[in-house]
Every structure is written in C-alpha cells, then in structure tokens.
Amino acid sequence: MKWFTFLDQQTIEIIEKEHADAPHQRAAQHALADAMTGIFHGNENITKCNEAAKALFGGDIASLDAQMLGEVFAEVPAGEFSKSSLGTEATSLVELLPQTDLCKSKREAREFLKNGSVSINGTKLSGDVAVDRVLTSEDLLHGTTILLRRGKKSWYASKWQ
C-alpha cells in the first residue's frame, strides 16, 4: 500500500493494524483494491464496484441494477433466446446448457446439474430437481437476462428477447 496508493502513513498504519488483528477479513486487500479502483475509475465508482464484487462472489446477483448487471457481465459469453420459449421443454436446463459454453452435451448437463455445479442468477441447483428445472419468466433479471454459472468461474449470460 505504501508503493501503490496515495494513502497517508497514518491511514496505512491503521489498516495494517486492522489486518494484523483479523487477517481473515482482508482489510489491507480491500483498502488496496479501493485505492486502485479510485485511481483508475474514480472515487465515485468505488462503492459500485464493491457492490458488484459482493454480488458476484456472494451470489446475490439479483441485487444489481440493470446498468451494473450489463457492465459486470459485458465480457462473459452470451447468447440470445426467444422469450416465448420460457416455461417450455425447450428451456429445460438439460436442453439449454448444451447451447451455451457451459457444457457440450445433454449427458454432461445432467451430470453437472446432479452434482450441484450449476447456478441460476447466483442460486445453486442440485439433485433431480435441478435436472428437471425449466427456466421461466420469473427467472428473468430486469425482464431480459438469466445468468447461468457452472462451478465458480464459468458464466453465461442468456438474453431473452
């Protein structure tokens, strides 16, 4: 933090003490991330970026507003689908997942669903209920998007028109 931020010495010492007292809370990493965000994106974006990170890593994707959702997921693989097919067999996860970058076949989709490695909008699915799951209009975020995730890092933004 001494090299990469413009924080004064007293502030750095306070952060270092907080970090030493509770390293699991990562006070130093958060302070450094906030400082870098402020430098590169402006201080007004620090709170927005923290909320986006919390949603992404905490799973509360639905709390993001439409603009932030679009910004956060602008770079993930995406595809467009017909809104009229929601609630039909065509939008069962076993049918839909092979159409994304998340799996290659229906067999693989069933396996991922049974193992609990698939999430819809940050909500993890598992077991036979997941295999039978059909996407509906209730799954849409801001009326247009359903975010699918396999594992911890593989995202797919499905856009429904």
Protein backbone atom coordinates (compact mmCIF):
# COMPACT_ATOMS: atom_id res chain seq x y z
CA MET A 1 0.00 0.00 0.00
CA LYS A 2 2.97 2.29 0.61
CA TRP A 3 4.02 1.97 -3.02
CA PHE A 4 0.74 1.66 -4.88
CA THR A 5 -1.58 4.11 -3.12
CA PHE A 6 -1.64 7.75 -2.15
CA LEU A 7 -2.82 6.95 1.39
CA ASP A 8 -1.05 8.81 4.17
CA GLN A 9 1.25 6.98 6.59
CA GLN A 10 -1.22 7.15 9.49
CA THR A 11 -4.03 5.59 7.44
CA ILE A 12 -1.73 2.82 6.22
CA GLU A 13 -0.70 2.02 9.80
CA ILE A 14 -4.35 1.81 10.89
CA ILE A 15 -5.13 -0.55 8.00
CA GLU A 16 -2.06 -2.68 8.77
CA LYS A 17 -3.15 -2.97 12.42
CA GLU A 18 -6.70 -3.96 11.38
CA HIS A 19 -5.25 -6.55 9.03
CA ALA A 20 -2.90 -7.94 11.70
CA ASP A 21 -5.77 -8.23 14.20
CA ALA A 22 -8.12 -10.01 11.78
CA PRO A 23 -6.29 -11.21 8.65
CA HIS A 24 -9.31 -13.26 7.51
CA GLN A 25 -11.23 -10.01 6.89
CA ARG A 26 -8.58 -8.88 4.40
CA ALA A 27 -8.64 -5.20 5.35
CA ALA A 28 -5.37 -4.48 3.53
CA GLN A 29 -6.52 -6.17 0.30
CA HIS A 30 -9.83 -4.31 0.38
CA ALA A 31 -8.11 -0.97 1.03
CA LEU A 32 -5.67 -1.57 -1.82
CA ALA A 33 -8.49 -2.59 -4.17
CA ASP A 34 -10.47 0.54 -3.23
CA ALA A 35 -7.42 2.74 -3.80
CA MET A 36 -6.74 1.18 -7.22
CA THR A 37 -10.39 1.50 -8.22
CA GLY A 38 -10.32 5.16 -7.19
CA ILE A 39 -7.19 5.81 -9.22
CA PHE A 40 -8.35 4.06 -12.39
CA HIS A 41 -12.12 4.53 -12.33
CA GLY A 42 -12.71 7.48 -9.99
CA ASN A 43 -13.75 7.59 -6.36
CA GLU A 44 -17.43 7.69 -7.28
CA ASN A 45 -17.16 4.14 -8.65
CA ILE A 46 -15.62 2.51 -5.57
CA THR A 47 -18.98 1.74 -3.95
CA LYS A 48 -20.46 0.49 -7.22
CA CYS A 49 -17.51 -1.84 -7.81
CA ASN A 50 -17.66 -3.15 -4.24
CA GLU A 51 -21.37 -3.89 -4.62
CA ALA A 52 -20.73 -5.67 -7.91
CA ALA A 53 -17.94 -7.77 -6.39
CA LYS A 54 -20.10 -8.63 -3.39
CA ALA A 55 -22.92 -9.72 -5.69
CA LEU A 56 -20.62 -11.78 -7.89
CA PHE A 57 -18.77 -13.56 -5.13
CA GLY A 58 -21.60 -13.62 -2.62
CA GLY A 59 -24.16 -14.87 -5.11
CA ASP A 60 -26.68 -12.02 -4.78
CA ILE A 61 -26.77 -11.19 -8.48
CA ALA A 62 -30.42 -10.09 -8.34
CA SER A 63 -29.46 -7.07 -6.23
CA LEU A 64 -27.55 -5.45 -9.12
CA ASP A 65 -29.39 -2.76 -11.06
CA ALA A 66 -29.80 -3.23 -14.82
CA GLN A 67 -26.90 -0.95 -15.74
CA MET A 68 -24.44 -2.58 -13.34
CA LEU A 69 -25.60 -6.04 -14.39
CA GLY A 70 -24.88 -5.15 -18.00
CA GLU A 71 -21.46 -3.71 -17.16
CA VAL A 72 -20.38 -6.61 -14.97
CA PHE A 73 -21.42 -9.27 -17.46
CA ALA A 74 -20.50 -7.43 -20.67
CA GLU A 75 -17.47 -9.63 -21.27
CA VAL A 76 -18.86 -13.08 -20.43
CA PRO A 77 -20.07 -15.43 -23.17
CA ALA A 78 -23.67 -14.66 -24.05
CA GLY A 79 -26.45 -15.70 -26.38
CA GLU A 80 -29.95 -14.63 -27.34
CA PHE A 81 -33.04 -16.76 -26.91
CA SER A 82 -36.75 -16.34 -27.56
CA LYS A 83 -38.76 -15.16 -24.57
CA SER A 84 -41.77 -17.07 -25.87
CA SER A 85 -39.96 -20.37 -25.22
CA LEU A 86 -39.66 -19.70 -21.45
CA GLY A 87 -41.60 -22.24 -19.44
CA THR A 88 -41.47 -24.86 -22.19
CA GLU A 89 -39.38 -28.02 -22.60
CA ALA A 90 -37.01 -26.02 -24.83
CA THR A 91 -35.85 -24.08 -21.78
CA SER A 92 -35.20 -27.05 -19.54
CA LEU A 93 -31.64 -26.78 -18.30
CA VAL A 94 -30.77 -30.16 -19.83
CA GLU A 95 -31.79 -28.80 -23.25
CA LEU A 96 -30.43 -25.27 -22.79
CA LEU A 97 -27.00 -25.85 -21.23
CA PRO A 98 -25.52 -27.60 -24.31
CA GLN A 99 -26.47 -24.49 -26.32
CA THR A 100 -24.14 -22.44 -24.10
CA ASP A 101 -20.41 -22.55 -23.45
CA LEU A 102 -21.02 -24.27 -20.10
CA CYS A 103 -21.25 -27.87 -21.35
CA LYS A 104 -21.05 -29.93 -24.51
CA SER A 105 -23.91 -32.43 -24.27
CA LYS A 106 -27.17 -33.25 -22.52
CA ARG A 107 -25.40 -36.06 -20.65
CA GLU A 108 -22.81 -33.60 -19.37
CA ALA A 109 -25.57 -31.13 -18.47
CA ARG A 110 -27.38 -33.81 -16.40
CA GLU A 111 -24.12 -34.67 -14.64
CA PHE A 112 -23.35 -31.02 -13.78
CA LEU A 113 -26.91 -30.47 -12.57
CA LYS A 114 -26.94 -33.58 -10.36
CA ASN A 115 -23.56 -32.65 -8.89
CA GLY A 116 -24.79 -29.18 -7.93
CA SER A 117 -22.30 -27.29 -10.07
CA VAL A 118 -24.89 -25.12 -11.87
CA SER A 119 -26.38 -21.86 -10.60
CA ILE A 120 -29.16 -19.68 -11.96
CA ASN A 121 -28.78 -15.99 -11.11
CA GLY A 122 -26.44 -16.94 -8.26
CA THR A 123 -28.72 -19.60 -6.77
CA LYS A 124 -27.14 -23.05 -6.74
CA LEU A 125 -29.17 -26.01 -8.01
CA SER A 126 -28.65 -29.67 -7.21
CA GLY A 127 -30.13 -33.15 -7.45
CA ASP A 128 -33.02 -34.43 -9.51
CA VAL A 129 -34.92 -31.15 -9.05
CA ALA A 130 -32.13 -29.38 -10.95
CA VAL A 131 -32.25 -31.90 -13.80
CA ASP A 132 -35.97 -31.26 -14.25
CA ARG A 133 -35.65 -27.46 -13.87
CA VAL A 134 -37.22 -25.33 -16.62
CA LEU A 135 -36.44 -21.63 -16.94
CA THR A 136 -39.46 -19.34 -16.71
CA SER A 137 -40.12 -15.61 -16.94
CA GLU A 138 -39.78 -15.48 -13.15
CA ASP A 139 -36.05 -16.22 -13.59
CA LEU A 140 -35.51 -13.09 -15.70
CA LEU A 141 -33.43 -10.31 -14.16
CA HIS A 142 -34.74 -6.89 -15.23
CA GLY A 143 -37.01 -8.63 -17.73
CA THR A 144 -34.22 -9.66 -20.11
CA THR A 145 -31.37 -11.69 -18.63
CA ILE A 146 -30.81 -15.03 -16.92
CA LEU A 147 -27.28 -15.67 -15.68
CA LEU A 148 -26.05 -19.24 -15.66
CA ARG A 149 -22.89 -20.34 -13.91
CA ARG A 150 -21.03 -23.65 -13.81
CA GLY A 151 -18.56 -24.01 -11.00
CA LYS A 152 -17.09 -20.85 -9.58
CA LYS A 153 -15.84 -19.07 -12.67
CA SER A 154 -17.73 -20.10 -15.80
CA TRP A 155 -20.55 -17.64 -16.50
CA TYR A 156 -23.02 -17.42 -19.37
CA ALA A 157 -25.44 -14.52 -19.86
CA SER A 158 -28.60 -15.61 -21.64
CA LYS A 159 -30.52 -12.69 -23.14
CA TRP A 160 -34.23 -13.19 -23.73
CA GLN A 161 -35.95 -11.13 -26.44
